[in-house]
Amino acid sequence: MSSTQNNNRIQVIDRAASLIDAIARYRDPVSLKILSAETGLHASTAHRILGSLIQNRLVERDPAGHYRLGLRLLQLGVRLHSNIDLRSVALPVMGRLRDELGESINLTIREGDEVVYIEKATPNRMMHVQQLVGARAPLHVTAVGKLMLGAAGDDAIRGYAQRTNLPAYTRNTINSLPRLLEECANSLKLGYALDNEEAEIDVGCIGVLLYDGSGNVAAGLSVSAPIDRRRRAWVDNMLDAGREISRQLGHHPPQ
């Protein structure tokens, strides 16, 4: 290992990682004595780091005082696997949709009170809407976000409004609870939602939801375009694409 790589390492993180690796090598919960021997850490040092890992739910301690991997690691692993599968399923459909419409196609998931852009397909044209992978936006200002709120129900929408106060990002942002409740309900009933320059002036979107095999909302799919180029006729394209991706994710809507 180079000196630069050595300088970039953080000792406590390296030690925590070595403890997690050591626990993972054992099928059953493992004692502090064994972990100390496996990692070369003094027992008091290992005990202190394990305590922090337990607080962060990355490690659990059983009644006998032995250690095993925590539920949070499983949850993170499932989420990573799920998002990778989602991207691999969605990307071919997103590429085709981009070519059909000539505009940017976005794949988003919900994290708390925001949507997160996890994949995109952008057209080969000079002027197009650009959303960065990893970017975030409040639910109430995006097309897919309003659908996600609608799917969560009125009580969840009220809770969201109370937490966030529905800040206005443009003159078109919906920033009153009655209007948001109505918009979310209508959009969910139609199966698609619009962003009419609500997040950004001169940008319009059409969004649909993607569902998994359990019938839960898995993600959102949207097309973003300069508002003067957006067409209502694209709704059918978006609905078809949403159904196709959802079907590949194992969703079978009731007949």
Foldseek 3Di string as FASTA:
>chain_A
DDPVVVVPDDVLVVLLVLLQVQQVVDPDFAALVVSCVSRVHDSVSNVVSVVVCVVVQQWDADPVRGIHGGPVVVVVVVVVVLVVVLCVLQVVLQQVLCVVQVAKKFKWDDDPQKIFTQDIDGHPDDDYDDDDHGDIDGLQQAWVSLLLQLVVHLVSLVVSCVVPQQDFQDPPGDRDSVVSNVQSVVCNVVQKGKRQCRNHPQKIKIKGFAAAQVRDTGIMMMTMGRNVSDDPVCNVVRNVSRVSSNVVRNHDDDD
